[in-house]
N, C-alpha and C. Protein backbone atom coordinates (compact mmCIF):
# COMPACT_ATOMS: atom_id res chain seq x y z
N UNK A 1 0.86 -1.20 -0.03
CA UNK A 1 -0.26 -0.04 0.05
C UNK A 1 0.91 1.11 -0.02
N UNK A 2 0.42 2.23 -0.76
CA UNK A 2 1.22 3.26 -0.74
C UNK A 2 0.29 4.62 -0.16
N UNK A 3 0.74 5.29 0.79
CA UNK A 3 -0.08 6.29 1.37
C UNK A 3 0.32 7.65 0.56
N UNK A 4 -0.59 8.24 0.19
CA UNK A 4 -0.63 9.60 -0.71
C UNK A 4 -1.48 10.43 0.11
N UNK A 5 -0.42 11.44 0.51
CA UNK A 5 -1.37 12.53 1.20
C UNK A 5 -1.38 13.62 0.18
N UNK A 6 -2.44 13.98 -0.23
CA UNK A 6 -2.43 15.13 -1.02
C UNK A 6 -2.28 16.65 -0.59
N UNK A 7 -2.10 17.61 -1.36
CA UNK A 7 -1.59 18.66 -0.65
C UNK A 7 -2.46 19.42 0.06
N UNK A 8 -3.84 18.82 0.43
CA UNK A 8 -4.52 19.38 1.49
C UNK A 8 -4.10 18.81 2.93
N UNK A 9 -3.25 18.08 2.85
CA UNK A 9 -2.85 17.39 4.44
C UNK A 9 -1.36 17.54 4.57
N UNK A 10 -0.71 18.62 3.94
CA UNK A 10 0.82 18.43 3.71
C UNK A 10 1.47 19.56 4.95
N UNK A 11 0.75 20.19 5.64
CA UNK A 11 1.31 21.09 6.49
C UNK A 11 2.32 20.56 7.47
N UNK A 12 1.99 19.39 7.96
CA UNK A 12 2.57 19.01 9.13
C UNK A 12 3.98 18.46 8.31
N UNK A 13 4.06 18.08 7.27
CA UNK A 13 5.45 17.40 6.94
C UNK A 13 6.11 18.73 6.31
N UNK A 14 5.59 19.98 5.72
CA UNK A 14 6.26 21.14 5.39
C UNK A 14 7.05 21.49 6.68
N UNK A 15 6.07 21.54 7.64
CA UNK A 15 7.05 22.10 9.20
C UNK A 15 8.15 21.07 9.61
N UNK A 16 7.73 19.79 9.30
CA UNK A 16 8.92 18.98 9.67
C UNK A 16 10.18 19.26 8.90
N UNK A 17 9.95 19.49 7.53
CA UNK A 17 11.22 19.68 6.80
C UNK A 17 11.98 21.19 7.22
N UNK A 18 11.05 22.08 7.56
CA UNK A 18 11.80 23.48 7.91
C UNK A 18 12.11 23.12 9.26
N UNK A 19 11.77 22.51 10.02
CA UNK A 19 12.22 22.26 11.54
C UNK A 19 13.27 21.40 11.59
N UNK A 20 13.51 20.39 10.60
CA UNK A 20 14.84 19.27 10.73
C UNK A 20 15.25 19.28 9.45
N UNK A 21 15.71 20.60 8.78
CA UNK A 21 16.12 20.26 7.33
C UNK A 21 17.36 19.65 7.08
N UNK A 22 18.31 19.24 8.12
CA UNK A 22 19.21 18.54 8.00
C UNK A 22 19.07 17.06 7.76
N UNK A 23 17.67 16.54 8.13
CA UNK A 23 17.45 14.90 8.11
C UNK A 23 16.76 14.82 6.69
N UNK A 24 16.49 15.69 5.85
CA UNK A 24 15.77 15.62 4.62
C UNK A 24 16.79 15.72 3.58
N UNK A 25 16.92 14.97 2.41
CA UNK A 25 17.58 15.20 1.24
C UNK A 25 16.84 15.75 0.13
N UNK A 26 17.29 16.89 -0.31
CA UNK A 26 16.65 17.52 -1.26
C UNK A 26 17.23 17.25 -2.85
N UNK A 27 16.15 16.61 -3.55
CA UNK A 27 16.64 16.02 -4.76
C UNK A 27 16.05 16.50 -6.08
N UNK A 28 16.57 16.80 -7.09
CA UNK A 28 16.17 17.23 -8.27
C UNK A 28 15.92 15.90 -9.26
N UNK A 29 14.81 15.79 -9.78
CA UNK A 29 14.48 14.68 -10.31
C UNK A 29 14.13 14.85 -11.79
N UNK A 30 14.69 14.23 -12.57
CA UNK A 30 14.58 14.66 -14.21
C UNK A 30 13.57 13.65 -14.48
N UNK A 31 12.92 14.23 -15.67
CA UNK A 31 11.68 13.14 -16.36
C UNK A 31 12.13 11.89 -16.57
N UNK A 32 11.32 11.22 -16.54
CA UNK A 32 11.74 9.71 -16.69
C UNK A 32 12.50 8.88 -15.66
N UNK A 33 13.00 9.81 -14.65
CA UNK A 33 13.88 9.12 -13.59
C UNK A 33 12.70 8.38 -12.54
N UNK A 34 13.38 7.21 -12.26
CA UNK A 34 12.49 6.27 -11.41
C UNK A 34 12.93 6.55 -9.91
N UNK A 35 12.12 6.70 -8.85
CA UNK A 35 12.54 6.95 -7.50
C UNK A 35 12.61 5.44 -6.83
N UNK A 36 11.21 4.99 -7.21
CA UNK A 36 10.78 3.67 -6.51
C UNK A 36 10.68 2.68 -7.63
N UNK A 37 11.42 1.44 -6.91
CA UNK A 37 11.18 0.38 -7.84
C UNK A 37 10.36 -0.66 -7.61
N UNK A 38 9.42 -1.09 -8.15
CA UNK A 38 8.45 -2.07 -7.80
C UNK A 38 9.14 -3.51 -7.28
N UNK A 39 8.71 -3.89 -6.31
CA UNK A 39 9.31 -5.44 -5.74
C UNK A 39 10.46 -5.18 -5.13
N UNK A 40 10.74 -3.85 -4.65
CA UNK A 40 11.97 -3.71 -3.84
C UNK A 40 11.50 -2.98 -2.59
N UNK A 41 12.23 -3.09 -1.42
CA UNK A 41 11.95 -2.67 0.09
C UNK A 41 12.45 -1.21 -0.08
N UNK A 42 11.37 -0.34 0.14
CA UNK A 42 11.74 1.22 0.10
C UNK A 42 11.60 1.61 1.36
N UNK A 43 12.67 2.16 1.99
CA UNK A 43 12.78 2.96 3.51
C UNK A 43 12.90 4.72 3.29
N UNK A 44 11.99 5.04 2.45
CA UNK A 44 12.29 6.53 2.38
C UNK A 44 10.68 6.98 2.20
N UNK A 45 10.56 8.11 2.75
CA UNK A 45 9.28 8.95 2.48
C UNK A 45 9.86 10.20 1.60
N UNK A 46 8.66 10.41 0.82
CA UNK A 46 8.92 11.55 -0.13
C UNK A 46 7.87 12.63 0.16
N UNK A 47 8.29 13.77 0.01
CA UNK A 47 7.52 15.02 -0.22
C UNK A 47 7.71 15.79 -1.46
N UNK A 48 6.66 15.80 -2.23
CA UNK A 48 6.96 16.42 -3.64
C UNK A 48 6.63 17.89 -3.34
N UNK A 49 7.94 18.55 -3.68
CA UNK A 49 7.87 20.10 -3.31
C UNK A 49 7.18 20.71 -4.90
N UNK A 50 7.70 20.35 -5.83
CA UNK A 50 7.22 20.46 -7.36
C UNK A 50 7.38 19.41 -8.29
N UNK A 51 6.62 19.42 -9.48
CA UNK A 51 6.88 18.48 -10.53
C UNK A 51 5.66 17.51 -10.47
N UNK A 52 5.72 16.77 -11.58
CA UNK A 52 4.60 15.59 -11.49
C UNK A 52 5.17 13.99 -11.66
N UNK A 53 4.85 13.39 -10.69
CA UNK A 53 5.47 11.90 -10.84
C UNK A 53 4.14 11.06 -10.92
N UNK A 54 4.49 9.78 -11.35
CA UNK A 54 3.17 8.70 -11.39
C UNK A 54 3.72 7.58 -10.73
N UNK A 55 2.73 6.96 -10.07
CA UNK A 55 2.97 5.74 -9.45
C UNK A 55 2.17 4.58 -10.54
N UNK A 56 2.92 3.60 -10.82
CA UNK A 56 2.62 2.52 -11.84
C UNK A 56 2.86 1.24 -11.35
N UNK A 57 2.18 0.29 -11.89
CA UNK A 57 2.67 -1.13 -11.58
C UNK A 57 3.09 -1.65 -13.14
N UNK A 58 3.86 -2.66 -13.34
CA UNK A 58 4.41 -3.23 -14.56
C UNK A 58 4.25 -4.60 -14.32
N UNK A 59 3.61 -5.38 -15.20
CA UNK A 59 3.43 -6.76 -15.24
C UNK A 59 4.15 -7.25 -16.30
N UNK A 60 5.00 -7.91 -15.95
CA UNK A 60 6.29 -8.32 -17.26
C UNK A 60 5.59 -9.55 -17.83
N UNK A 61 4.74 -10.36 -17.31
CA UNK A 61 4.28 -11.52 -18.04
C UNK A 61 3.30 -11.00 -19.14
N UNK A 62 2.67 -9.94 -19.19
CA UNK A 62 2.22 -9.28 -20.43
C UNK A 62 2.64 -8.20 -21.12
N UNK A 63 3.55 -7.66 -20.34
CA UNK A 63 4.52 -6.53 -20.97
C UNK A 63 3.41 -5.32 -20.88
N UNK A 64 2.89 -4.98 -19.47
CA UNK A 64 1.96 -3.80 -19.83
C UNK A 64 2.25 -3.13 -18.47
N UNK A 65 1.87 -1.93 -18.47
CA UNK A 65 2.01 -0.70 -17.31
C UNK A 65 0.58 -0.44 -17.04
N UNK A 66 0.29 0.00 -15.75
CA UNK A 66 -0.79 0.42 -15.42
C UNK A 66 -0.54 1.56 -14.40
N UNK A 67 -0.83 3.01 -14.81
CA UNK A 67 -0.63 4.13 -13.92
C UNK A 67 -1.76 4.13 -12.69
N UNK A 68 -1.65 3.92 -11.62
CA UNK A 68 -2.46 3.94 -10.68
C UNK A 68 -2.74 4.97 -9.62
N UNK A 69 -1.70 6.01 -9.62
CA UNK A 69 -1.75 7.37 -8.84
C UNK A 69 -0.74 8.41 -9.62
N UNK A 70 -1.14 9.61 -9.24
CA UNK A 70 -0.19 10.50 -9.66
C UNK A 70 0.22 11.42 -8.25
N UNK A 71 1.23 12.19 -8.41
CA UNK A 71 1.67 12.96 -7.31
C UNK A 71 2.10 14.26 -7.66
N UNK A 72 1.92 15.38 -7.29
CA UNK A 72 2.40 16.65 -7.76
C UNK A 72 2.62 17.77 -6.62
N UNK A 73 2.74 18.73 -6.76
CA UNK A 73 3.18 19.97 -5.90
C UNK A 73 2.65 19.49 -4.59
N UNK A 74 3.39 19.57 -3.35
CA UNK A 74 3.13 19.33 -1.99
C UNK A 74 2.26 17.98 -1.57
N UNK A 75 2.54 17.01 -2.41
CA UNK A 75 1.85 15.88 -2.16
C UNK A 75 3.13 15.05 -1.23
N UNK A 76 2.61 14.15 -0.49
CA UNK A 76 3.55 13.38 0.32
C UNK A 76 3.13 11.84 0.03
N UNK A 77 4.49 11.00 -0.17
CA UNK A 77 4.35 9.55 -0.55
C UNK A 77 4.85 8.77 0.45
N UNK A 78 4.12 7.93 1.00
CA UNK A 78 4.90 6.76 2.04
C UNK A 78 4.46 5.55 1.57
N UNK A 79 5.61 5.00 1.23
CA UNK A 79 5.32 3.39 0.80
C UNK A 79 5.11 2.44 1.95
N UNK A 80 4.00 2.44 2.54
CA UNK A 80 3.54 2.14 3.74
C UNK A 80 4.22 0.60 4.19
N UNK A 81 3.93 -0.34 3.09
CA UNK A 81 4.22 -1.66 3.44
C UNK A 81 5.79 -1.92 3.54
N UNK A 82 6.24 -1.22 2.67
CA UNK A 82 7.96 -1.30 2.63
C UNK A 82 8.57 -0.74 3.87
N UNK A 83 7.91 0.72 4.16
CA UNK A 83 8.62 1.60 5.17
C UNK A 83 8.32 1.02 6.44
N UNK A 84 7.20 0.50 6.79
CA UNK A 84 6.75 0.13 8.11
C UNK A 84 6.60 -1.33 8.17
N UNK A 85 6.74 -2.22 7.34
CA UNK A 85 6.70 -3.68 7.28
C UNK A 85 7.63 -4.44 6.41
N UNK A 86 8.51 -3.47 5.80
CA UNK A 86 9.47 -4.37 5.28
C UNK A 86 9.42 -5.28 4.13
N UNK A 87 8.12 -4.92 3.70
CA UNK A 87 7.50 -5.77 2.40
C UNK A 87 7.85 -5.01 1.01
N UNK A 88 7.97 -5.70 0.00
CA UNK A 88 8.39 -5.06 -1.29
C UNK A 88 7.34 -4.28 -1.77
N UNK A 89 7.66 -3.11 -2.50
CA UNK A 89 6.63 -2.07 -2.79
C UNK A 89 5.74 -2.65 -3.84
N UNK A 90 4.69 -2.22 -4.27
CA UNK A 90 3.85 -2.90 -5.26
C UNK A 90 3.76 -2.00 -6.54
N UNK A 91 4.54 -0.65 -6.31
CA UNK A 91 4.45 0.31 -7.54
C UNK A 91 5.85 0.75 -7.88
N UNK A 92 6.03 1.29 -8.92
CA UNK A 92 7.24 2.02 -9.36
C UNK A 92 6.88 3.63 -9.28
N UNK A 93 7.81 4.34 -8.79
CA UNK A 93 7.62 5.85 -8.84
C UNK A 93 8.35 6.59 -9.97
N UNK A 94 7.89 7.13 -10.83
CA UNK A 94 8.59 7.77 -11.87
C UNK A 94 8.20 9.19 -11.93
N UNK A 95 9.21 10.19 -12.50
CA UNK A 95 8.83 11.38 -12.93
C UNK A 95 8.49 11.74 -14.11
N UNK A 96 7.29 12.04 -14.47
CA UNK A 96 6.89 12.45 -15.79
C UNK A 96 6.90 13.74 -16.22
N UNK A 97 7.40 14.51 -15.20
CA UNK A 97 7.92 16.01 -15.41
C UNK A 97 9.08 16.25 -14.48
N UNK A 98 9.92 17.11 -14.87
CA UNK A 98 10.85 17.41 -13.86
C UNK A 98 10.42 17.76 -12.55
N UNK A 99 11.07 17.30 -11.40
CA UNK A 99 10.66 17.49 -9.99
C UNK A 99 11.64 17.82 -9.01
N UNK A 100 11.17 18.22 -7.94
CA UNK A 100 12.01 18.47 -6.72
C UNK A 100 11.41 17.86 -5.76
N UNK A 101 12.01 16.87 -4.89
CA UNK A 101 11.45 16.46 -3.89
C UNK A 101 12.54 16.34 -2.65
N UNK A 102 11.90 16.21 -1.51
CA UNK A 102 12.49 16.10 -0.28
C UNK A 102 12.18 14.65 0.35
N UNK A 103 13.42 13.88 0.69
CA UNK A 103 13.17 12.80 0.93
C UNK A 103 13.89 12.41 2.23
N UNK A 104 13.42 11.77 2.99
CA UNK A 104 13.55 11.33 4.48
C UNK A 104 13.63 9.77 4.59
N UNK A 105 15.01 9.23 5.13
CA UNK A 105 15.40 8.17 5.34
C UNK A 105 14.41 7.42 6.67
N UNK A 106 14.48 6.12 6.95
CA UNK A 106 13.68 5.77 7.96
C UNK A 106 14.53 5.76 8.95
N UNK A 107 15.82 5.84 9.03
CA UNK A 107 16.63 6.19 10.06
C UNK A 107 16.25 7.50 10.82
N UNK A 108 16.13 8.51 9.91
CA UNK A 108 15.91 9.95 10.24
C UNK A 108 14.80 10.10 10.52
N UNK A 109 13.63 9.39 10.21
CA UNK A 109 12.17 9.60 10.40
C UNK A 109 12.22 9.07 12.00
N UNK A 110 12.97 8.03 12.25
CA UNK A 110 12.89 7.76 13.82
C UNK A 110 13.56 8.70 14.51
N UNK A 111 14.53 9.43 14.29
CA UNK A 111 14.91 10.77 14.95
C UNK A 111 13.91 11.59 15.13
N UNK A 112 13.21 12.06 13.99
CA UNK A 112 12.09 13.11 14.28
C UNK A 112 11.13 12.43 15.22
N UNK A 113 10.72 11.23 15.04
CA UNK A 113 9.47 10.80 15.96
C UNK A 113 9.67 10.66 17.14
N UNK A 114 11.16 10.83 17.55
CA UNK A 114 11.34 10.74 19.01
C UNK A 114 11.21 12.09 19.66
N UNK A 115 11.24 13.05 18.66
CA UNK A 115 11.02 14.62 19.10
C UNK A 115 9.56 14.80 18.83
N UNK A 116 8.99 14.33 18.07
CA UNK A 116 7.55 14.68 17.77
C UNK A 116 6.32 13.59 17.85
N UNK A 117 6.03 13.34 19.21
CA UNK A 117 5.01 12.32 19.62
C UNK A 117 3.83 12.03 18.87
N UNK A 118 3.38 13.22 18.41
CA UNK A 118 1.96 13.26 17.38
C UNK A 118 2.27 12.44 15.99
N UNK A 119 3.33 12.20 15.73
CA UNK A 119 3.71 11.58 14.46
C UNK A 119 2.69 10.25 14.31
N UNK A 120 2.43 9.67 15.33
CA UNK A 120 1.80 8.38 14.95
C UNK A 120 0.21 8.75 14.83
N UNK A 121 -0.29 9.82 15.04
CA UNK A 121 -1.51 10.12 15.03
C UNK A 121 -1.70 10.72 13.50
N UNK A 122 -0.65 11.31 13.13
CA UNK A 122 -0.59 11.79 11.70
C UNK A 122 -0.63 10.49 10.60
N UNK A 123 0.05 9.55 11.07
CA UNK A 123 0.12 8.33 10.11
C UNK A 123 -0.88 7.66 10.10
N UNK A 124 -1.74 7.59 11.24
CA UNK A 124 -3.04 6.88 11.42
C UNK A 124 -4.09 7.61 10.37
N UNK A 125 -4.14 8.89 10.64
CA UNK A 125 -4.79 9.83 9.55
C UNK A 125 -4.45 9.45 8.15
N UNK A 126 -3.45 9.55 7.62
CA UNK A 126 -3.12 9.20 6.33
C UNK A 126 -3.48 7.84 5.86
N UNK A 127 -3.29 6.90 6.89
CA UNK A 127 -3.80 5.51 6.31
C UNK A 127 -5.39 5.44 6.01
N UNK A 128 -6.08 6.14 6.80
CA UNK A 128 -7.49 6.18 6.52
C UNK A 128 -7.78 7.10 5.39
N UNK A 129 -7.06 7.85 5.17
CA UNK A 129 -7.22 8.88 3.72
C UNK A 129 -6.80 7.66 2.59
N UNK A 130 -5.77 7.17 2.68
CA UNK A 130 -5.27 6.26 1.89
C UNK A 130 -6.38 5.06 1.40
N UNK A 131 -6.90 4.70 2.55
CA UNK A 131 -8.13 3.78 2.19
C UNK A 131 -9.30 4.22 1.72
N UNK A 132 -9.59 5.52 1.70
CA UNK A 132 -10.53 5.99 1.04
C UNK A 132 -10.33 6.39 -0.38
N UNK A 133 -8.81 6.58 -0.64
CA UNK A 133 -8.40 6.79 -1.87
C UNK A 133 -8.60 5.58 -2.87
N UNK A 134 -8.28 4.45 -2.30
CA UNK A 134 -8.01 3.27 -2.92
C UNK A 134 -9.61 2.96 -3.12
N UNK A 135 -10.60 2.90 -2.26
CA UNK A 135 -11.81 2.61 -2.51
C UNK A 135 -12.66 3.63 -3.62
N UNK A 136 -12.34 4.80 -3.65
CA UNK A 136 -12.79 5.69 -4.42
C UNK A 136 -12.15 5.37 -5.99
N UNK A 137 -10.95 5.07 -6.01
CA UNK A 137 -10.48 4.72 -7.48
C UNK A 137 -11.10 3.24 -8.05
N UNK A 138 -11.27 2.31 -7.00
CA UNK A 138 -11.79 1.06 -7.56
C UNK A 138 -13.25 1.26 -8.00
N UNK A 139 -13.98 1.76 -7.16
CA UNK A 139 -15.27 1.89 -7.54
C UNK A 139 -15.60 2.95 -8.82
N UNK A 140 -14.66 3.82 -8.83
CA UNK A 140 -14.63 4.85 -10.21
C UNK A 140 -14.28 3.81 -11.42
N UNK A 141 -13.21 3.18 -11.21
CA UNK A 141 -12.81 2.29 -12.43
C UNK A 141 -13.76 1.15 -12.72
N UNK A 142 -14.49 0.76 -11.92
CA UNK A 142 -15.44 -0.29 -12.08
C UNK A 142 -16.78 0.05 -12.34
N UNK A 143 -17.53 1.20 -11.94
CA UNK A 143 -18.73 1.48 -12.23
C UNK A 143 -19.05 2.82 -13.04
N UNK A 144 -17.78 3.44 -13.29
CA UNK A 144 -18.17 4.97 -14.14
C UNK A 144 -17.77 4.75 -15.71
N UNK A 145 -18.34 5.74 -16.52
CA UNK A 145 -18.28 5.51 -17.92
C UNK A 145 -16.71 6.21 -18.00
N UNK A 146 -16.13 6.09 -19.57
CA UNK A 146 -14.60 6.35 -19.47
C UNK A 146 -14.88 8.10 -19.19
N UNK A 147 -15.95 8.94 -19.91
CA UNK A 147 -15.82 10.11 -19.66
C UNK A 147 -16.07 10.84 -18.09
N UNK A 148 -16.75 9.85 -17.56
CA UNK A 148 -16.90 10.40 -16.08
C UNK A 148 -15.69 10.10 -15.41
N UNK A 149 -14.92 9.05 -15.63
CA UNK A 149 -13.52 9.04 -14.84
C UNK A 149 -12.43 9.96 -15.58
N UNK A 150 -12.91 10.10 -16.80
CA UNK A 150 -11.79 11.25 -17.16
C UNK A 150 -12.04 12.74 -16.46
N UNK A 151 -13.54 13.01 -16.36
CA UNK A 151 -13.61 14.33 -15.78
C UNK A 151 -13.52 14.33 -14.32
N UNK A 152 -13.90 13.11 -13.77
CA UNK A 152 -13.39 13.09 -12.06
C UNK A 152 -11.90 13.07 -11.87
N UNK A 153 -11.23 12.62 -12.97
CA UNK A 153 -9.81 12.81 -12.82
C UNK A 153 -9.03 14.08 -12.78
N UNK A 154 -9.76 14.80 -13.99
CA UNK A 154 -9.21 16.21 -13.98
C UNK A 154 -9.53 17.27 -12.97
N UNK A 155 -10.89 16.59 -12.45
CA UNK A 155 -11.25 17.57 -11.23
C UNK A 155 -10.36 17.32 -9.98
N UNK A 156 -10.26 16.17 -9.97
CA UNK A 156 -9.39 15.57 -8.70
C UNK A 156 -7.81 16.12 -8.69
N UNK A 157 -7.18 16.04 -9.99
CA UNK A 157 -5.92 16.37 -10.17
C UNK A 157 -5.98 17.29 -11.32
N UNK A 158 -6.00 18.69 -11.21
CA UNK A 158 -6.19 19.45 -12.29
C UNK A 158 -4.98 19.52 -13.11
N UNK A 159 -3.76 19.39 -12.66
CA UNK A 159 -2.16 19.32 -13.08
C UNK A 159 -2.41 18.18 -14.24
N UNK A 160 -3.46 17.19 -14.36
CA UNK A 160 -3.54 16.14 -15.22
C UNK A 160 -3.52 16.64 -16.74
N UNK A 161 -4.27 18.05 -16.80
CA UNK A 161 -4.30 18.68 -18.02
C UNK A 161 -3.01 18.89 -18.58
N UNK A 162 -2.03 18.98 -18.11
CA UNK A 162 -0.42 19.14 -18.68
C UNK A 162 -0.25 17.75 -19.18
N UNK A 163 -0.79 16.81 -18.89
CA UNK A 163 -0.27 15.47 -19.53
C UNK A 163 -0.83 15.08 -20.73
N UNK A 164 -0.41 14.11 -21.33
CA UNK A 164 -0.99 13.42 -22.71
C UNK A 164 -2.15 12.83 -22.53
N UNK A 165 -2.78 12.34 -23.41
CA UNK A 165 -3.89 11.71 -23.56
C UNK A 165 -3.57 10.12 -23.07
N UNK A 166 -2.48 9.88 -23.46
CA UNK A 166 -1.99 8.37 -23.30
C UNK A 166 -1.81 8.33 -21.67
N UNK A 167 -1.16 9.13 -21.24
CA UNK A 167 -0.89 9.11 -19.88
C UNK A 167 -2.25 9.19 -18.85
N UNK A 168 -3.06 10.00 -19.30
CA UNK A 168 -4.40 10.04 -18.56
C UNK A 168 -5.10 8.77 -18.85
N UNK A 169 -5.00 8.40 -20.14
CA UNK A 169 -5.91 7.05 -20.10
C UNK A 169 -5.53 5.88 -19.48
N UNK A 170 -4.07 5.82 -19.25
CA UNK A 170 -3.53 4.67 -18.47
C UNK A 170 -4.00 4.85 -17.18
N UNK A 171 -4.06 6.19 -16.54
CA UNK A 171 -4.79 6.07 -15.17
C UNK A 171 -5.94 5.70 -15.14
N UNK A 172 -6.91 6.10 -16.24
CA UNK A 172 -8.15 5.81 -16.02
C UNK A 172 -8.80 4.57 -16.49
N UNK A 173 -7.84 3.60 -16.89
CA UNK A 173 -7.74 2.31 -17.18
C UNK A 173 -8.37 1.83 -18.69
N UNK A 174 -8.05 2.82 -19.56
CA UNK A 174 -8.52 2.48 -20.98
C UNK A 174 -7.46 2.84 -21.86
N UNK A 175 -7.47 2.65 -23.19
CA UNK A 175 -6.35 2.96 -24.13
C UNK A 175 -6.55 4.44 -24.49
N UNK A 176 -5.50 4.90 -25.38
CA UNK A 176 -5.74 6.25 -25.72
C UNK A 176 -6.83 6.36 -26.74
N UNK A 177 -7.01 5.59 -27.70
CA UNK A 177 -8.02 5.55 -28.73
C UNK A 177 -9.36 5.35 -28.00
N UNK A 178 -9.59 4.47 -26.93
CA UNK A 178 -10.77 4.48 -26.35
C UNK A 178 -11.16 6.01 -25.57
N UNK A 179 -10.19 6.65 -25.03
CA UNK A 179 -10.38 8.14 -24.39
C UNK A 179 -10.83 9.18 -25.43
N UNK A 180 -9.86 8.99 -26.63
CA UNK A 180 -10.27 9.84 -27.83
C UNK A 180 -11.73 9.45 -28.25
N UNK A 181 -12.02 8.46 -28.51
CA UNK A 181 -13.28 8.20 -29.17
C UNK A 181 -14.53 8.61 -28.11
N UNK A 182 -14.27 8.42 -26.85
CA UNK A 182 -15.20 8.61 -25.68
C UNK A 182 -15.17 10.32 -25.78
N UNK A 183 -14.26 10.90 -25.85
CA UNK A 183 -14.13 12.63 -26.03
C UNK A 183 -14.83 13.13 -27.19
N UNK A 184 -14.64 12.42 -28.25
CA UNK A 184 -15.29 13.00 -29.61
C UNK A 184 -16.69 12.62 -29.53
N UNK A 185 -17.05 11.63 -29.06
CA UNK A 185 -18.46 11.25 -28.78
C UNK A 185 -19.07 12.30 -27.96
N UNK A 186 -18.49 12.63 -26.85
CA UNK A 186 -19.20 13.47 -25.85
C UNK A 186 -19.26 15.10 -26.55
N UNK A 187 -18.06 15.24 -27.37
CA UNK A 187 -18.15 16.49 -27.95
C UNK A 187 -19.25 16.81 -29.11
N UNK A 188 -19.60 15.52 -29.69
CA UNK A 188 -20.63 15.62 -30.62
C UNK A 188 -22.00 16.10 -30.14
N UNK A 189 -22.32 15.71 -28.73
CA UNK A 189 -23.49 15.65 -28.04
C UNK A 189 -23.87 17.31 -27.75
């Protein structure tokens, strides 16, 4: 599970970066650079200062990628199963636009945690938010039309307007051709 804290819940993390700057690594990430590799143990938390990254899974048996989430300005990414349970991550994390991120290691996170006892409450809150996001994504993908999924994605993540139809289509679970046909049919109405 990936905990994705969107920019409405990032104040605590911004404050931690400002309060403990020496414990965070600031990294410039180039387009197409991969920060997390699927099936590896990841022991870092990521705060996205700027740019756009995508979380995706790759199935080597059918040679297919599926984008399952996006991250942009002020989002936080915690690879929960890896970070806390030492299990392999389920996704890759790749920059699809140049980005700047702050990264904290598990070792440095533990240092902050000793100084900030309220962090457990923050992590519980983020776990609950992530469960809601997963349910929302599943229900949306299973029950809604292509156009509804497209519109919902653009409302939830306005920065998706900067992406190609192919990148958006992957996220909503259709081919680029299917998305283009649905958009053309919607335009005709």
